Amino acid sequence: MTNNTITARQYFQNVLDAHLSAEMDALSEKYIKGLDARNEKRKSADSKEKREVAARRESVLQYLTEHKGESFTRDAIAEAIGISGAAVSSACKALGDAVSKSEVKIDKARRVVYTLAE
């Protein structure tokens, strides 16, 4: 099943592109400017969620720094820090080159382990 919905910005852009009338064009431009201003304000806002994600990244980086040279599975890091395994994976991905990722065999299963990059 396809999603047949459009955003408000797309709607007003389509109205503007159709050139239905001068009033409709002016109204569409006004709404598009308002949507752009709102979106820009939201981008620059420091939300509670953004602060929590940044704190999780920092705690993962700090843990790996404290245990430099050691490799840990996401579950081991999650248990040590007190966050979810998914949050650890997300933080390690966001940290990019600061954290190296590799696969090892643990109990006959391949597991991803994270290490502080050198």
N, C-alpha and C. Protein backbone atom coordinates (compact mmCIF):
# COMPACT_ATOMS: atom_id res chain seq x y z
N MET A 1 0.84 -1.18 0.00
CA MET A 1 0.00 0.00 0.00
C MET A 1 0.88 1.25 0.00
N THR A 2 0.59 2.17 -0.87
CA THR A 2 1.39 3.38 -0.96
C THR A 2 0.79 4.48 -0.10
N ASN A 3 1.65 5.37 0.31
CA ASN A 3 1.23 6.50 1.13
C ASN A 3 0.90 7.66 0.19
N ASN A 4 -0.36 8.07 0.16
CA ASN A 4 -0.81 9.11 -0.76
C ASN A 4 -0.97 10.46 -0.09
N THR A 5 -0.26 10.69 1.00
CA THR A 5 -0.38 11.96 1.68
C THR A 5 0.77 12.88 1.26
N ILE A 6 0.52 14.18 1.39
CA ILE A 6 1.57 15.16 1.11
C ILE A 6 1.67 16.09 2.31
N THR A 7 2.79 16.74 2.42
CA THR A 7 2.98 17.69 3.51
C THR A 7 2.28 19.00 3.17
N ALA A 8 2.11 19.83 4.18
CA ALA A 8 1.49 21.14 3.96
C ALA A 8 2.34 21.97 3.00
N ARG A 9 3.66 21.86 3.15
CA ARG A 9 4.54 22.62 2.28
C ARG A 9 4.38 22.17 0.82
N GLN A 10 4.29 20.87 0.60
CA GLN A 10 4.10 20.35 -0.76
C GLN A 10 2.77 20.84 -1.33
N TYR A 11 1.72 20.83 -0.51
CA TYR A 11 0.41 21.29 -0.95
C TYR A 11 0.48 22.74 -1.42
N PHE A 12 1.03 23.61 -0.57
CA PHE A 12 1.09 25.02 -0.93
C PHE A 12 2.03 25.27 -2.11
N GLN A 13 3.09 24.48 -2.23
CA GLN A 13 3.98 24.61 -3.38
C GLN A 13 3.24 24.22 -4.66
N ASN A 14 2.41 23.16 -4.59
CA ASN A 14 1.62 22.75 -5.76
C ASN A 14 0.62 23.83 -6.15
N VAL A 15 0.00 24.46 -5.16
CA VAL A 15 -0.95 25.54 -5.44
C VAL A 15 -0.20 26.71 -6.09
N LEU A 16 0.96 27.02 -5.57
CA LEU A 16 1.76 28.11 -6.11
C LEU A 16 2.20 27.80 -7.55
N ASP A 17 2.61 26.56 -7.79
CA ASP A 17 3.05 26.16 -9.14
C ASP A 17 1.91 26.19 -10.15
N ALA A 18 0.68 25.97 -9.69
CA ALA A 18 -0.47 25.93 -10.59
C ALA A 18 -0.92 27.33 -11.02
N HIS A 19 -0.52 28.38 -10.31
CA HIS A 19 -0.90 29.77 -10.62
C HIS A 19 -2.41 29.90 -10.82
N LEU A 20 -3.17 29.49 -9.80
CA LEU A 20 -4.63 29.55 -9.89
C LEU A 20 -5.12 31.00 -9.93
N SER A 21 -4.58 31.81 -9.05
CA SER A 21 -4.92 33.23 -9.05
C SER A 21 -3.85 33.97 -8.26
N ALA A 22 -3.85 35.28 -8.37
CA ALA A 22 -2.87 36.09 -7.65
C ALA A 22 -3.05 35.95 -6.15
N GLU A 23 -4.32 35.89 -5.71
CA GLU A 23 -4.60 35.75 -4.27
C GLU A 23 -4.10 34.41 -3.74
N MET A 24 -4.33 33.35 -4.50
CA MET A 24 -3.90 32.01 -4.09
C MET A 24 -2.37 31.93 -4.06
N ASP A 25 -1.72 32.57 -5.03
CA ASP A 25 -0.26 32.59 -5.04
C ASP A 25 0.28 33.33 -3.81
N ALA A 26 -0.32 34.47 -3.51
CA ALA A 26 0.12 35.26 -2.35
C ALA A 26 -0.11 34.48 -1.06
N LEU A 27 -1.27 33.85 -0.95
CA LEU A 27 -1.59 33.07 0.25
C LEU A 27 -0.63 31.89 0.39
N SER A 28 -0.35 31.20 -0.70
CA SER A 28 0.57 30.07 -0.67
C SER A 28 1.97 30.51 -0.26
N GLU A 29 2.44 31.63 -0.82
CA GLU A 29 3.75 32.14 -0.45
C GLU A 29 3.80 32.49 1.03
N LYS A 30 2.73 33.06 1.54
CA LYS A 30 2.66 33.43 2.96
C LYS A 30 2.76 32.18 3.83
N TYR A 31 2.00 31.13 3.49
CA TYR A 31 2.02 29.90 4.27
C TYR A 31 3.37 29.20 4.18
N ILE A 32 3.97 29.20 3.00
CA ILE A 32 5.29 28.56 2.83
C ILE A 32 6.34 29.29 3.68
N LYS A 33 6.31 30.61 3.68
CA LYS A 33 7.24 31.37 4.52
C LYS A 33 7.03 31.06 5.99
N GLY A 34 5.78 30.95 6.40
CA GLY A 34 5.47 30.60 7.79
C GLY A 34 5.97 29.21 8.16
N LEU A 35 5.77 28.25 7.25
CA LEU A 35 6.23 26.88 7.49
C LEU A 35 7.76 26.83 7.56
N ASP A 36 8.42 27.58 6.67
CA ASP A 36 9.89 27.61 6.69
C ASP A 36 10.41 28.21 7.99
N ALA A 37 9.76 29.29 8.45
CA ALA A 37 10.18 29.93 9.70
C ALA A 37 9.99 28.98 10.88
N ARG A 38 8.87 28.28 10.91
CA ARG A 38 8.59 27.33 11.99
C ARG A 38 9.60 26.19 11.99
N ASN A 39 9.89 25.67 10.80
CA ASN A 39 10.84 24.56 10.71
C ASN A 39 12.25 24.99 11.10
N GLU A 40 12.64 26.20 10.74
CA GLU A 40 13.97 26.70 11.11
C GLU A 40 14.07 26.86 12.62
N LYS A 41 13.00 27.34 13.22
CA LYS A 41 12.98 27.51 14.68
C LYS A 41 13.09 26.15 15.37
N ARG A 42 12.40 25.15 14.86
CA ARG A 42 12.44 23.81 15.45
C ARG A 42 13.82 23.18 15.32
N LYS A 43 14.51 23.44 14.19
CA LYS A 43 15.85 22.88 13.98
C LYS A 43 16.83 23.40 15.01
N SER A 44 16.73 24.68 15.31
CA SER A 44 17.70 25.29 16.21
C SER A 44 17.33 25.11 17.67
N ALA A 45 16.13 24.64 17.96
CA ALA A 45 15.70 24.46 19.35
C ALA A 45 16.44 23.30 19.99
N ASP A 46 16.81 23.49 21.25
CA ASP A 46 17.50 22.44 22.00
C ASP A 46 16.45 21.70 22.82
N SER A 47 16.01 20.57 22.30
CA SER A 47 14.94 19.83 22.96
C SER A 47 15.50 18.90 24.03
N LYS A 48 14.62 18.45 24.89
CA LYS A 48 14.99 17.51 25.95
C LYS A 48 15.55 16.23 25.35
N GLU A 49 14.94 15.76 24.27
CA GLU A 49 15.39 14.53 23.62
C GLU A 49 16.80 14.68 23.05
N LYS A 50 17.09 15.82 22.43
CA LYS A 50 18.43 16.05 21.89
C LYS A 50 19.47 16.03 23.00
N ARG A 51 19.14 16.63 24.15
CA ARG A 51 20.07 16.64 25.27
C ARG A 51 20.30 15.23 25.81
N GLU A 52 19.24 14.42 25.86
CA GLU A 52 19.37 13.04 26.35
C GLU A 52 20.22 12.21 25.40
N VAL A 53 20.03 12.37 24.10
CA VAL A 53 20.81 11.63 23.12
C VAL A 53 22.28 12.03 23.22
N ALA A 54 22.55 13.31 23.37
CA ALA A 54 23.93 13.79 23.50
C ALA A 54 24.56 13.23 24.77
N ALA A 55 23.80 13.15 25.84
CA ALA A 55 24.32 12.60 27.10
C ALA A 55 24.64 11.11 26.95
N ARG A 56 23.80 10.38 26.23
CA ARG A 56 24.06 8.95 26.00
C ARG A 56 25.32 8.76 25.18
N ARG A 57 25.50 9.56 24.14
CA ARG A 57 26.70 9.48 23.32
C ARG A 57 27.94 9.73 24.18
N GLU A 58 27.86 10.75 25.00
CA GLU A 58 28.98 11.11 25.86
C GLU A 58 29.30 9.99 26.84
N SER A 59 28.27 9.35 27.42
CA SER A 59 28.51 8.28 28.38
C SER A 59 29.11 7.05 27.70
N VAL A 60 28.69 6.74 26.48
CA VAL A 60 29.28 5.61 25.74
C VAL A 60 30.74 5.92 25.42
N LEU A 61 31.02 7.11 24.96
CA LEU A 61 32.39 7.50 24.64
C LEU A 61 33.26 7.48 25.90
N GLN A 62 32.74 7.96 27.00
CA GLN A 62 33.48 7.96 28.25
C GLN A 62 33.78 6.53 28.71
N TYR A 63 32.81 5.64 28.60
CA TYR A 63 33.00 4.24 29.00
C TYR A 63 34.09 3.58 28.15
N LEU A 64 34.02 3.78 26.85
CA LEU A 64 35.03 3.19 25.97
C LEU A 64 36.41 3.81 26.20
N THR A 65 36.46 5.08 26.54
CA THR A 65 37.72 5.75 26.83
C THR A 65 38.34 5.18 28.11
N GLU A 66 37.50 4.94 29.11
CA GLU A 66 37.98 4.38 30.37
C GLU A 66 38.52 2.96 30.19
N HIS A 67 37.99 2.24 29.20
CA HIS A 67 38.39 0.86 28.94
C HIS A 67 39.08 0.77 27.58
N LYS A 68 40.01 1.69 27.35
CA LYS A 68 40.70 1.78 26.07
C LYS A 68 41.41 0.46 25.74
N GLY A 69 41.27 0.03 24.50
CA GLY A 69 41.91 -1.19 24.05
C GLY A 69 41.06 -2.44 24.23
N GLU A 70 39.96 -2.33 24.95
CA GLU A 70 39.06 -3.46 25.16
C GLU A 70 37.88 -3.36 24.20
N SER A 71 37.33 -4.52 23.84
CA SER A 71 36.15 -4.57 22.97
C SER A 71 34.95 -5.03 23.77
N PHE A 72 33.80 -4.42 23.49
CA PHE A 72 32.57 -4.74 24.21
C PHE A 72 31.41 -4.91 23.24
N THR A 73 30.51 -5.84 23.56
CA THR A 73 29.27 -5.94 22.81
C THR A 73 28.37 -4.80 23.25
N ARG A 74 27.36 -4.53 22.47
CA ARG A 74 26.45 -3.43 22.83
C ARG A 74 25.73 -3.73 24.13
N ASP A 75 25.41 -5.01 24.36
CA ASP A 75 24.71 -5.37 25.59
C ASP A 75 25.59 -5.18 26.82
N ALA A 76 26.89 -5.45 26.69
CA ALA A 76 27.80 -5.25 27.81
C ALA A 76 27.92 -3.76 28.14
N ILE A 77 28.01 -2.94 27.11
CA ILE A 77 28.08 -1.49 27.33
C ILE A 77 26.78 -0.99 27.94
N ALA A 78 25.67 -1.48 27.40
CA ALA A 78 24.34 -1.05 27.88
C ALA A 78 24.17 -1.40 29.36
N GLU A 79 24.58 -2.59 29.74
CA GLU A 79 24.44 -3.01 31.14
C GLU A 79 25.32 -2.16 32.05
N ALA A 80 26.53 -1.87 31.61
CA ALA A 80 27.46 -1.09 32.42
C ALA A 80 27.00 0.35 32.61
N ILE A 81 26.43 0.92 31.56
CA ILE A 81 26.02 2.32 31.61
C ILE A 81 24.59 2.49 32.13
N GLY A 82 23.75 1.50 31.84
CA GLY A 82 22.37 1.60 32.29
C GLY A 82 21.43 2.17 31.24
N ILE A 83 21.73 1.91 29.96
CA ILE A 83 20.84 2.33 28.88
C ILE A 83 20.53 1.12 28.02
N SER A 84 19.66 1.27 27.04
CA SER A 84 19.28 0.15 26.19
C SER A 84 20.36 -0.18 25.17
N GLY A 85 20.33 -1.41 24.67
CA GLY A 85 21.28 -1.83 23.64
C GLY A 85 21.12 -1.04 22.36
N ALA A 86 19.87 -0.73 22.02
CA ALA A 86 19.61 0.07 20.82
C ALA A 86 20.20 1.47 20.95
N ALA A 87 20.14 2.03 22.15
CA ALA A 87 20.71 3.36 22.38
C ALA A 87 22.23 3.32 22.23
N VAL A 88 22.85 2.21 22.66
CA VAL A 88 24.30 2.06 22.52
C VAL A 88 24.66 2.00 21.04
N SER A 89 23.93 1.18 20.27
CA SER A 89 24.20 1.06 18.84
C SER A 89 24.06 2.40 18.14
N SER A 90 23.00 3.12 18.48
CA SER A 90 22.76 4.43 17.88
C SER A 90 23.87 5.41 18.24
N ALA A 91 24.29 5.41 19.49
CA ALA A 91 25.35 6.31 19.93
C ALA A 91 26.66 5.99 19.23
N CYS A 92 26.98 4.70 19.12
CA CYS A 92 28.24 4.31 18.46
C CYS A 92 28.23 4.69 16.98
N LYS A 93 27.08 4.55 16.35
CA LYS A 93 26.97 4.93 14.94
C LYS A 93 27.14 6.44 14.80
N ALA A 94 26.54 7.20 15.71
CA ALA A 94 26.63 8.66 15.65
C ALA A 94 28.03 9.16 15.96
N LEU A 95 28.77 8.42 16.77
CA LEU A 95 30.13 8.83 17.11
C LEU A 95 31.10 8.65 15.95
N GLY A 96 30.69 7.86 14.97
CA GLY A 96 31.45 7.73 13.73
C GLY A 96 32.85 7.18 13.90
N ASP A 97 33.85 7.97 13.51
CA ASP A 97 35.24 7.52 13.50
C ASP A 97 35.84 7.38 14.89
N ALA A 98 35.18 7.89 15.92
CA ALA A 98 35.71 7.79 17.28
C ALA A 98 35.60 6.37 17.82
N VAL A 99 34.67 5.60 17.25
CA VAL A 99 34.43 4.23 17.71
C VAL A 99 34.59 3.29 16.52
N SER A 100 35.34 2.21 16.73
CA SER A 100 35.46 1.22 15.66
C SER A 100 34.56 0.03 15.97
N LYS A 101 34.04 -0.56 14.93
CA LYS A 101 33.07 -1.65 15.03
C LYS A 101 33.65 -2.85 14.30
N SER A 102 33.55 -4.02 14.93
CA SER A 102 34.02 -5.23 14.27
C SER A 102 33.15 -6.41 14.71
N GLU A 103 33.29 -7.51 14.00
CA GLU A 103 32.52 -8.72 14.32
C GLU A 103 33.45 -9.77 14.89
N VAL A 104 32.99 -10.43 15.96
CA VAL A 104 33.74 -11.55 16.55
C VAL A 104 32.76 -12.69 16.79
N LYS A 105 33.32 -13.87 16.96
CA LYS A 105 32.48 -15.03 17.22
C LYS A 105 32.46 -15.28 18.73
N ILE A 106 31.27 -15.22 19.31
CA ILE A 106 31.08 -15.47 20.74
C ILE A 106 30.01 -16.54 20.88
N ASP A 107 30.36 -17.65 21.52
CA ASP A 107 29.41 -18.76 21.72
C ASP A 107 28.76 -19.19 20.41
N LYS A 108 29.56 -19.42 19.40
CA LYS A 108 29.13 -19.89 18.09
C LYS A 108 28.22 -18.91 17.33
N ALA A 109 28.18 -17.68 17.78
CA ALA A 109 27.37 -16.67 17.11
C ALA A 109 28.24 -15.44 16.82
N ARG A 110 27.98 -14.82 15.70
CA ARG A 110 28.71 -13.61 15.36
C ARG A 110 28.10 -12.44 16.11
N ARG A 111 28.95 -11.67 16.78
CA ARG A 111 28.49 -10.51 17.54
C ARG A 111 29.29 -9.29 17.12
N VAL A 112 28.66 -8.16 17.15
CA VAL A 112 29.32 -6.90 16.86
C VAL A 112 29.91 -6.39 18.16
N VAL A 113 31.16 -5.98 18.11
CA VAL A 113 31.81 -5.39 19.28
C VAL A 113 32.33 -4.01 18.93
N TYR A 114 32.36 -3.15 19.94
CA TYR A 114 32.80 -1.78 19.76
C TYR A 114 34.06 -1.54 20.56
N THR A 115 34.97 -0.75 19.99
CA THR A 115 36.23 -0.41 20.61
C THR A 115 36.49 1.07 20.33
N LEU A 116 37.18 1.71 21.24
CA LEU A 116 37.57 3.09 20.98
C LEU A 116 38.58 3.09 19.86
N ALA A 117 38.34 3.89 18.84
CA ALA A 117 39.25 3.96 17.68
C ALA A 117 40.56 4.60 18.09
N GLU A 118 41.61 4.18 17.45
CA GLU A 118 42.95 4.70 17.79
C GLU A 118 43.36 5.81 16.86
